[in-house]
């Protein structure tokens, strides 16, 4: 399988230049001008377009049991949606509960993707408890090629780690050379606030925010980072949403903590008023941490521009408004959390970020692709354009205009959180390891083309 992309403007996290790209045997083999290629090589003319690295979403939920129901996407639908949006690699969270065997859960999660995904994928392994047996199982899981872990300082009694478990896990992670990603809130405070709100008759989706205010997230973030400092482990704060939590990470980094930060698309472009919509419409916008008042967005965009925030993910978790989200009509704590965003991340980040001069084009690529590849052991195989890298490429049309709608999206969910939003830019043509999977904006991928990406522990 070979492919020549001609006349495009190549843009990476650091470079911008015009050249042709020749791909063969799933990789980029040559970059230059007037390349000598076999006469039968398929050619794509990218004149007037950008050629950028395939994008990486480092935080998605595809198979996800939650509050007695399941996320709607499968790997067939999720990988299609990802590719339509220009994302060629997914990193899914494996989320066992406290009662489940970690090895069995890891194998089960992988079965959901094998033979079904059209894009490449890997995982973060969730750790809902920690003891000697779990440590032995994690050692085996790491050896299988999953050297990143996920912990929760939220969801009391479901996945929350005690302080003793957190300390022991981070000591193990330091020794094993793996990065620990953390959902940072204070589980006890959340429970207390939820109970108080419900007792006061405050049951609607608009009260979800008040059960998890910025102080709760900042406290959890500082807590996680204090343990990282004590153990010298490398950590990654997921879906950071507010100014106070960002300030906590900056203080920790100034003290020498190896802490990296992710925010997610909804926190950049939506604010807390979305969850305050009447007639239960606000339930479409319930996620954790919750959407924040608009001023927090300024802090997040500034953090991206200055390099304090390293990645932009989605925390994609698709639950239908009808039949799933509406289970919580009488109690906001029963609304399945998540704002489906997998398909929209790249173009909304381009529209709200690059087109409005909040970030430049290199930061866009860096935070939506390259940094995730670097942090999670995929670089330079993924996240850049250079000889030897996988031929995951996006021919991006920066001038294309469209309108987001649930009627046309590929995600398997009955609403769009961005219904009617005009956006600029489109992943016009997308390749995964040299195979064209989106052509002229139409999906041409094949379930099963995606490959599980094994990774090795690394030095940070």
Protein backbone atom coordinates (compact mmCIF):
# COMPACT_ATOMS: atom_id res chain seq x y z
CA UNK A 1 0.00 0.00 0.00
CA UNK A 2 1.55 3.31 -1.10
CA UNK A 3 0.34 6.88 -1.32
CA UNK A 4 1.70 10.24 -2.48
CA UNK A 5 0.31 13.48 -1.06
CA UNK A 6 1.35 16.43 -3.22
CA UNK A 7 1.28 20.21 -3.01
CA UNK A 8 0.18 20.43 0.61
CA UNK A 9 1.45 22.70 3.36
CA UNK A 10 2.84 20.47 6.12
CA UNK A 11 2.25 21.76 9.64
CA UNK A 12 3.42 20.10 12.85
CA UNK A 13 3.77 21.24 16.45
CA UNK A 14 7.04 22.96 15.52
CA UNK A 15 7.34 23.33 11.74
CA UNK A 16 5.50 24.71 8.72
CA UNK A 17 6.66 24.17 5.15
CA UNK A 18 5.54 23.01 1.71
CA UNK A 19 6.55 19.53 0.55
CA UNK A 20 5.22 16.23 -0.76
CA UNK A 21 4.85 13.10 1.38
CA UNK A 22 5.35 9.54 0.15
CA UNK A 23 3.93 6.73 2.27
CA UNK A 24 4.61 3.01 1.89
CA UNK A 25 4.25 -0.04 4.14
CA UNK A 26 2.10 1.95 6.58
CA UNK A 27 4.74 4.58 7.29
CA UNK A 28 5.97 7.92 5.99
CA UNK A 29 9.06 7.04 3.97
CA UNK A 30 10.05 10.28 2.24
CA UNK A 31 9.29 14.00 2.43
CA UNK A 32 10.48 16.41 -0.22
CA UNK A 33 9.89 17.84 -3.68
CA UNK A 34 9.69 16.01 -7.02
CA UNK A 35 9.80 12.65 -5.29
CA UNK A 36 10.51 9.65 -7.51
CA UNK A 37 7.71 7.17 -6.80
CA UNK A 38 6.37 4.08 -8.58
CA UNK A 39 4.16 5.05 -11.55
CA UNK A 40 1.03 3.35 -10.17
CA UNK A 41 1.15 5.17 -6.82
CA UNK A 42 -2.19 6.74 -5.83
CA UNK A 43 -1.87 10.53 -5.62
CA UNK A 44 -3.80 13.05 -3.53
CA UNK A 45 -3.52 16.69 -4.52
CA UNK A 46 -3.55 18.75 -1.30
CA UNK A 47 -3.09 22.14 -2.94
CA UNK A 48 -4.49 24.89 -0.75
CA UNK A 49 -4.83 22.52 2.20
CA UNK A 50 -2.81 21.71 5.30
CA UNK A 51 -1.28 18.29 5.95
CA UNK A 52 -1.11 17.69 9.70
CA UNK A 53 -0.42 14.69 11.95
CA UNK A 54 -3.36 12.47 12.81
CA UNK A 55 -4.95 13.75 15.99
CA UNK A 56 -4.93 11.79 19.26
CA UNK A 57 -7.69 11.88 21.87
CA UNK A 58 -6.06 10.81 25.15
CA UNK A 59 -9.27 10.48 27.18
CA UNK A 60 -12.35 8.72 25.83
CA UNK A 61 -15.01 6.36 27.13
CA UNK A 62 -16.47 4.00 24.57
CA UNK A 63 -17.50 0.92 26.51
CA UNK A 64 -18.68 2.40 29.82
CA UNK A 65 -21.14 1.06 32.39
CA UNK A 66 -22.45 3.95 34.49
CA UNK A 67 -25.43 4.35 36.84
CA UNK A 68 -27.11 1.19 35.59
CA UNK A 69 -26.77 1.98 31.88
CA UNK A 70 -24.08 1.92 29.20
CA UNK A 71 -22.49 4.51 26.93
CA UNK A 72 -24.06 4.33 23.48
CA UNK A 73 -21.03 4.15 21.22
CA UNK A 74 -19.36 0.95 20.09
CA UNK A 75 -15.91 0.85 18.55
CA UNK A 76 -17.55 0.74 15.11
CA UNK A 77 -19.42 3.99 15.72
CA UNK A 78 -16.81 5.71 17.89
CA UNK A 79 -13.89 5.05 15.57
CA UNK A 80 -15.94 6.25 12.62
CA UNK A 81 -16.82 9.47 14.48
CA UNK A 82 -13.21 9.95 15.53
CA UNK A 83 -11.94 9.60 11.98
CA UNK A 84 -14.59 11.91 10.56
CA UNK A 85 -13.22 14.50 12.97
CA UNK A 86 -9.56 13.83 12.13
CA UNK A 87 -8.69 11.76 15.21
CA UNK A 88 -6.71 8.68 14.22
CA UNK A 89 -5.77 7.32 17.67
CA UNK A 90 -7.92 6.86 20.77
CA UNK A 91 -6.81 6.25 24.35
CA UNK A 92 -9.72 4.73 26.23
CA UNK A 93 -10.14 4.54 29.99
CA UNK A 94 -10.63 1.00 31.30
CA UNK A 95 -12.89 1.49 34.31
CA UNK A 96 -13.30 -1.51 36.62
CA UNK A 97 -15.20 -1.14 39.87
CA UNK A 98 -13.85 -2.19 43.24
CA UNK A 99 -15.21 -5.74 42.92
CA UNK A 100 -13.85 -6.61 39.47
CA UNK A 101 -10.68 -8.51 38.61
CA UNK A 102 -8.29 -6.17 36.81
CA UNK A 103 -6.84 -8.71 34.37
CA UNK A 104 -10.28 -9.96 33.37
CA UNK A 105 -11.57 -6.41 32.98
CA UNK A 106 -8.59 -5.40 30.87
CA UNK A 107 -9.11 -8.37 28.57
CA UNK A 108 -12.84 -7.69 28.30
CA UNK A 109 -12.28 -4.03 27.37
CA UNK A 110 -9.84 -5.07 24.65
CA UNK A 111 -12.38 -7.51 23.24
CA UNK A 112 -14.74 -4.58 22.62
CA UNK A 113 -12.26 -3.01 20.20
CA UNK A 114 -10.55 -6.00 18.57
CA UNK A 115 -11.77 -6.44 15.02
CA UNK A 116 -14.15 -3.50 15.35
CA UNK A 117 -12.10 -0.30 15.43
CA UNK A 118 -11.23 1.53 12.23
CA UNK A 119 -8.62 3.68 14.00
CA UNK A 120 -5.70 2.77 16.23
CA UNK A 121 -6.25 2.61 19.97
CA UNK A 122 -4.71 1.97 23.35
CA UNK A 123 -5.75 2.28 27.00
CA UNK A 124 -5.22 3.74 30.44
CA UNK A 125 -5.80 1.04 33.08
CA UNK A 126 -8.15 2.05 35.88
CA UNK A 127 -7.12 1.17 39.43
CA UNK A 128 -10.11 1.20 41.85
CA UNK A 129 -8.19 -0.39 44.73
CA UNK A 130 -4.58 -1.24 45.51
CA UNK A 131 -3.15 -4.24 47.32
CA UNK A 132 -0.42 -6.84 46.62
CA UNK A 133 -2.66 -8.82 44.23
CA UNK A 134 -3.55 -5.69 42.27
CA UNK A 135 0.13 -4.76 42.12
CA UNK A 136 0.97 -8.15 40.57
CA UNK A 137 -1.86 -7.75 38.07
CA UNK A 138 -0.76 -4.24 37.13
CA UNK A 139 2.76 -5.52 36.55
CA UNK A 140 1.33 -7.99 34.05
CA UNK A 141 -0.90 -5.37 32.40
CA UNK A 142 2.08 -3.01 32.01
CA UNK A 143 4.04 -5.86 30.41
CA UNK A 144 1.16 -6.29 27.94
CA UNK A 145 1.81 -2.74 26.70
CA UNK A 146 -0.42 -0.52 28.86
CA UNK A 147 1.97 1.66 30.90
CA UNK A 148 -0.47 4.35 32.04
CA UNK A 149 -2.89 4.08 34.93
CA UNK A 150 -6.07 5.93 35.94
CA UNK A 151 -7.23 6.70 39.46
CA UNK A 152 -10.32 8.42 40.84
CA UNK A 153 -10.47 10.79 43.78
CA UNK A 154 -14.22 10.89 43.21
CA UNK A 155 -17.11 8.39 42.99
CA UNK A 156 -17.07 7.23 46.60
CA UNK A 157 -17.51 3.45 47.04
CA UNK A 158 -17.28 2.83 43.29
CA UNK A 159 -13.70 3.59 42.25
CA UNK A 160 -12.29 6.02 44.83
CA UNK A 161 -8.84 5.23 46.30
CA UNK A 162 -8.07 5.75 49.96
CA UNK A 163 -5.01 7.81 50.87
CA UNK A 164 -3.10 4.68 51.87
CA UNK A 165 -3.90 3.07 48.52
CA UNK A 166 -3.01 6.24 46.61
CA UNK A 167 0.38 6.48 48.30
CA UNK A 168 1.20 2.81 47.68
CA UNK A 169 0.08 3.00 44.05
CA UNK A 170 2.18 6.07 43.32
CA UNK A 171 5.23 4.42 44.92
CA UNK A 172 4.66 1.44 42.64
CA UNK A 173 4.20 3.70 39.59
CA UNK A 174 7.45 5.51 40.33
CA UNK A 175 9.30 2.20 40.53
CA UNK A 176 7.63 0.82 37.40
CA UNK A 177 8.19 3.99 35.35
CA UNK A 178 4.54 4.53 34.48
CA UNK A 179 2.43 7.68 34.48
CA UNK A 180 -0.69 7.91 36.67
CA UNK A 181 -3.64 9.91 35.39
CA UNK A 182 -6.01 11.25 38.01
CA UNK A 183 -9.61 12.43 38.23
CA UNK A 184 -9.12 15.05 40.94
CA UNK A 185 -12.02 15.98 43.17
CA UNK A 186 -12.83 15.36 46.84
CA UNK A 187 -15.20 12.41 47.07
CA UNK A 188 -16.37 13.05 50.63
CA UNK A 189 -17.18 16.69 49.95
CA UNK A 190 -19.15 15.71 46.84
CA UNK A 191 -21.29 13.24 48.79
CA UNK A 192 -21.96 15.77 51.55
CA UNK A 193 -22.90 18.52 49.10
CA UNK A 194 -25.12 16.21 47.05
CA UNK A 195 -27.02 15.09 50.13
CA UNK A 196 -27.53 18.64 51.34
CA UNK A 197 -28.80 19.85 47.96
CA UNK A 198 -31.22 16.95 47.58
CA UNK A 199 -32.51 17.43 51.14
CA UNK A 200 -33.24 21.04 50.23
CA UNK A 201 -35.25 19.93 47.20
CA UNK A 202 -32.61 21.04 44.71
CA UNK A 203 -32.86 18.13 42.31
CA UNK A 204 -32.47 19.58 38.80
CA UNK A 205 -29.40 19.35 36.55
CA UNK A 206 -28.49 22.96 37.35
CA UNK A 207 -27.52 21.84 40.88
CA UNK A 208 -24.87 19.40 39.67
CA UNK A 209 -22.42 22.30 39.49
CA UNK A 210 -23.08 23.23 43.11
CA UNK A 211 -22.26 19.71 44.27
CA UNK A 212 -18.81 19.97 42.69
CA UNK A 213 -17.73 23.65 42.83
CA UNK A 214 -14.18 24.73 41.90
CA UNK A 215 -13.01 24.42 45.52
CA UNK A 216 -13.81 20.69 45.44
CA UNK A 217 -11.76 20.17 42.30
CA UNK A 218 -8.89 22.35 43.54
CA UNK A 219 -8.77 20.41 46.81
CA UNK A 220 -8.62 17.09 44.98
CA UNK A 221 -5.96 18.37 42.61
CA UNK A 222 -3.74 19.68 45.40
CA UNK A 223 -4.21 16.39 47.26
CA UNK A 224 -3.16 14.30 44.27
CA UNK A 225 -0.14 16.48 43.60
CA UNK A 226 0.99 16.40 47.23
CA UNK A 227 1.16 12.61 47.00
CA UNK A 228 3.01 12.89 43.68
CA UNK A 229 5.57 15.15 45.35
CA UNK A 230 6.07 12.72 48.23
CA UNK A 231 6.53 9.72 45.94
CA UNK A 232 8.25 11.47 43.00
CA UNK A 233 5.78 9.79 40.67
CA UNK A 234 4.88 11.28 37.28
CA UNK A 235 1.22 12.27 37.14
CA UNK A 236 -1.32 13.69 34.71
CA UNK A 237 -4.40 15.61 35.85
CA UNK A 238 -7.36 14.75 33.63
CA UNK A 239 -10.15 17.12 32.55
CA UNK A 240 -8.96 20.10 34.59
CA UNK A 241 -11.77 22.63 34.44
CA UNK A 242 -11.13 25.65 36.63
CA UNK A 243 -8.70 28.40 37.51
CA UNK A 244 -8.16 27.18 41.09
CA UNK A 245 -7.14 23.67 40.01
CA UNK A 246 -4.77 25.10 37.39
CA UNK A 247 -3.16 27.28 40.04
CA UNK A 248 -2.66 24.20 42.22
CA UNK A 249 -0.83 22.42 39.40
CA UNK A 250 1.37 25.44 38.72
CA UNK A 251 2.39 25.59 42.37
CA UNK A 252 3.21 21.89 42.33
CA UNK A 253 5.26 22.13 39.15
CA UNK A 254 7.22 25.04 40.62
CA UNK A 255 8.04 22.71 43.52
CA UNK A 256 9.44 20.13 41.11
CA UNK A 257 6.43 17.82 40.76
CA UNK A 258 6.31 16.08 37.37
CA UNK A 259 2.68 16.94 36.71
CA UNK A 260 1.04 17.28 33.31
CA UNK A 261 -2.39 18.76 32.66
CA UNK A 262 -5.29 17.90 30.38
CA UNK A 263 -8.36 19.97 29.78
CA UNK A 264 -11.27 18.86 27.64
CA UNK A 265 -13.14 20.50 24.81
CA UNK A 266 -16.44 21.12 26.66
CA UNK A 267 -14.68 23.15 29.35
CA UNK A 268 -13.14 25.38 26.68
CA UNK A 269 -16.28 26.18 24.69
CA UNK A 270 -19.27 25.61 26.99
CA UNK A 271 -20.02 27.27 30.33
CA UNK A 272 -22.24 26.56 33.32
CA UNK A 273 -25.26 28.33 31.84
CA UNK A 274 -25.69 25.39 29.45
CA UNK A 275 -26.63 23.11 32.36
CA UNK A 276 -29.10 25.71 33.62
CA UNK A 277 -31.40 25.43 30.60
CA UNK A 278 -35.08 24.82 31.50
CA UNK A 279 -37.23 21.74 30.87
CA UNK A 280 -34.39 19.39 31.85
CA UNK A 281 -32.42 20.40 28.72
CA UNK A 282 -29.52 21.17 31.04
CA UNK A 283 -29.05 17.43 31.61
CA UNK A 284 -27.39 17.23 28.20
CA UNK A 285 -24.51 19.20 29.71
CA UNK A 286 -23.95 17.29 32.94
CA UNK A 287 -20.37 16.04 33.22
CA UNK A 288 -17.79 15.83 36.01
CA UNK A 289 -16.10 18.11 36.82
CA UNK A 290 -19.04 20.27 35.75
CA UNK A 291 -19.04 23.09 33.26
CA UNK A 292 -17.75 26.27 34.90
CA UNK A 293 -18.71 29.96 34.68
CA UNK A 294 -17.26 31.60 31.57
CA UNK A 295 -14.30 33.38 33.27
CA UNK A 296 -12.67 30.00 33.91
CA UNK A 297 -12.42 29.50 30.15
CA UNK A 298 -10.05 32.46 29.92
CA UNK A 299 -7.72 30.78 32.40
CA UNK A 300 -7.80 27.54 30.42
CA UNK A 301 -7.11 29.20 27.07
CA UNK A 302 -4.26 31.18 28.64
CA UNK A 303 -2.91 27.96 30.12
CA UNK A 304 -2.95 26.30 26.71
CA UNK A 305 -1.25 29.23 25.02
CA UNK A 306 1.47 29.39 27.66
CA UNK A 307 2.07 25.64 27.74
CA UNK A 308 0.78 25.10 31.29
CA UNK A 309 -1.97 22.85 29.91
CA UNK A 310 -0.51 20.13 27.74
CA UNK A 311 -3.40 18.31 26.06
CA UNK A 312 -7.01 18.83 24.99
CA UNK A 313 -9.10 15.65 25.13
CA UNK A 314 -12.86 15.11 25.14
CA UNK A 315 -13.75 12.79 28.05
CA UNK A 316 -16.21 11.52 25.44
CA UNK A 317 -19.04 9.64 27.17
CA UNK A 318 -22.17 9.41 24.99
CA UNK A 319 -25.48 8.86 26.76
CA UNK A 320 -28.79 9.51 25.03
CA UNK A 321 -30.89 12.39 26.31
CA UNK A 322 -34.02 10.25 25.94
CA UNK A 323 -33.90 7.02 27.92
CA UNK A 324 -30.57 7.63 29.68
CA UNK A 325 -29.94 11.21 30.77
CA UNK A 326 -33.62 11.52 31.72
CA UNK A 327 -33.22 8.78 34.33
CA UNK A 328 -32.15 11.64 36.56
CA UNK A 329 -35.23 13.85 36.20
CA UNK A 330 -35.98 13.59 39.90
CA UNK A 331 -32.36 13.50 41.10
CA UNK A 332 -29.40 15.11 39.35
CA UNK A 333 -27.02 12.56 40.89
CA UNK A 334 -28.65 9.91 38.66
CA UNK A 335 -27.94 11.71 35.38
CA UNK A 336 -25.26 9.75 33.48
CA UNK A 337 -22.26 12.04 33.17
CA UNK A 338 -20.77 12.99 29.82
CA UNK A 339 -20.88 15.37 26.89
CA UNK A 340 -20.30 13.54 23.57
CA UNK A 341 -17.57 15.46 21.74
CA UNK A 342 -15.31 12.95 20.00
CA UNK A 343 -16.23 13.96 16.46
CA UNK A 344 -16.22 17.70 17.09
CA UNK A 345 -12.99 18.21 19.08
CA UNK A 346 -10.57 19.09 16.29
CA UNK A 347 -12.73 21.52 14.35
CA UNK A 348 -14.16 23.21 17.44
CA UNK A 349 -10.68 23.63 18.89
CA UNK A 350 -9.60 25.10 15.56
CA UNK A 351 -12.67 27.38 15.35
CA UNK A 352 -12.64 28.63 18.94
CA UNK A 353 -8.88 28.58 19.33
CA UNK A 354 -6.94 29.26 16.13
CA UNK A 355 -9.61 31.25 14.30
CA UNK A 356 -10.15 33.51 17.32
CA UNK A 357 -6.42 33.96 18.01
CA UNK A 358 -6.55 32.25 21.38
CA UNK A 359 -3.88 29.76 20.28
CA UNK A 360 -1.74 29.42 17.17
CA UNK A 361 -1.83 26.56 14.72
CA UNK A 362 1.23 24.85 16.22
CA UNK A 363 -0.34 24.85 19.69
CA UNK A 364 -3.50 23.40 18.16
CA UNK A 365 -1.55 20.44 16.78
CA UNK A 366 0.61 20.12 19.87
CA UNK A 367 -2.23 19.95 22.38
CA UNK A 368 -4.52 17.80 20.21
CA UNK A 369 -1.89 15.34 18.97
CA UNK A 370 1.82 15.68 19.69
CA UNK A 371 1.80 16.10 23.46
CA UNK A 372 -0.44 13.07 23.94
CA UNK A 373 1.94 11.02 21.81
CA UNK A 374 4.92 12.20 23.86
CA UNK A 375 3.33 11.68 27.26
CA UNK A 376 1.90 8.25 26.56
CA UNK A 377 4.74 6.54 24.73
CA UNK A 378 3.55 6.89 21.15
CA UNK A 379 6.03 9.48 19.85
CA UNK A 380 7.47 9.65 17.19
CA UNK A 381 5.40 6.80 15.82
CA UNK A 382 2.36 9.05 16.24
CA UNK A 383 1.88 12.78 16.67
CA UNK A 384 4.29 14.09 14.04
CA UNK A 385 5.16 14.01 10.35
CA UNK A 386 8.62 12.59 9.67
CA UNK A 387 10.16 9.59 7.91
CA UNK A 388 9.55 6.43 9.91
CA UNK A 389 6.38 7.70 11.59
CA UNK A 390 3.09 5.94 11.00
CA UNK A 391 1.31 7.41 7.98
CA UNK A 392 -1.51 8.87 10.09
CA UNK A 393 -2.23 12.08 8.20
CA UNK A 394 -5.04 14.60 7.98
CA UNK A 395 -5.52 16.82 4.95
CA UNK A 396 -7.27 19.69 6.66
CA UNK A 397 -9.23 22.33 4.79
CA UNK A 398 -8.99 25.46 6.98
CA UNK A 399 -11.55 27.34 4.86
CA UNK A 400 -14.39 24.82 4.96
CA UNK A 401 -17.56 25.94 6.74
CA UNK A 402 -20.24 23.72 8.22
CA UNK A 403 -22.84 23.55 10.97
CA UNK A 404 -22.83 20.90 13.71
CA UNK A 405 -25.97 18.80 14.06
CA UNK A 406 -27.02 15.51 15.60
CA UNK A 407 -28.77 14.81 12.30
CA UNK A 408 -25.44 14.48 10.54
CA UNK A 409 -22.92 13.40 13.16
CA UNK A 410 -21.51 9.87 13.26
CA UNK A 411 -21.60 9.46 17.04
CA UNK A 412 -24.25 7.01 18.25
CA UNK A 413 -26.11 9.45 20.48
CA UNK A 414 -29.41 11.25 20.06
CA UNK A 415 -28.28 14.84 20.61
CA UNK A 416 -25.40 17.23 20.00
CA UNK A 417 -24.19 19.53 22.75
CA UNK A 418 -23.19 21.91 19.95
CA UNK A 419 -26.39 21.78 17.89
CA UNK A 420 -26.46 24.55 15.27
CA UNK A 421 -22.96 25.83 15.94
CA UNK A 422 -21.13 27.10 12.85
CA UNK A 423 -17.56 25.81 12.58
CA UNK A 424 -14.57 26.37 10.35
CA UNK A 425 -12.27 23.68 9.04
CA UNK A 426 -12.70 20.05 8.12
CA UNK A 427 -10.69 16.86 8.07
CA UNK A 428 -11.15 16.42 4.34
CA UNK A 429 -9.02 13.33 3.88
CA UNK A 430 -7.68 11.09 6.67
CA UNK A 431 -5.27 8.17 6.60
CA UNK A 432 -4.47 5.58 9.25
CA UNK A 433 -1.11 3.92 8.58
CA UNK A 434 -1.40 4.94 4.93
CA UNK A 435 -4.92 3.66 4.36
CA UNK A 436 -7.47 6.29 3.33
CA UNK A 437 -10.33 6.14 5.83
CA UNK A 438 -11.99 9.51 5.09
CA UNK A 439 -12.03 10.83 1.54
CA UNK A 440 -13.48 14.22 0.57
CA UNK A 441 -15.30 14.28 3.91
CA UNK A 442 -16.87 10.84 3.42
CA UNK A 443 -16.07 7.88 5.65
CA UNK A 444 -14.40 5.03 3.78
CA UNK A 445 -12.88 3.16 6.72
CA UNK A 446 -13.21 -0.50 7.53
CA UNK A 447 -13.89 -1.92 11.02
CA UNK A 448 -10.89 -3.95 12.11
CA UNK A 449 -8.25 -1.82 10.41
CA UNK A 450 -7.44 -0.22 13.76
CA UNK A 451 -4.62 -1.74 15.73
CA UNK A 452 -3.98 -2.03 19.46
CA UNK A 453 -0.88 0.06 20.18
CA UNK A 454 1.44 -1.51 22.71
CA UNK A 455 3.59 0.95 24.62
CA UNK A 456 6.55 0.68 26.95
CA UNK A 457 7.29 2.47 30.24
CA UNK A 458 9.35 5.57 29.66
CA UNK A 459 11.55 8.09 31.41
CA UNK A 460 10.05 11.55 31.88
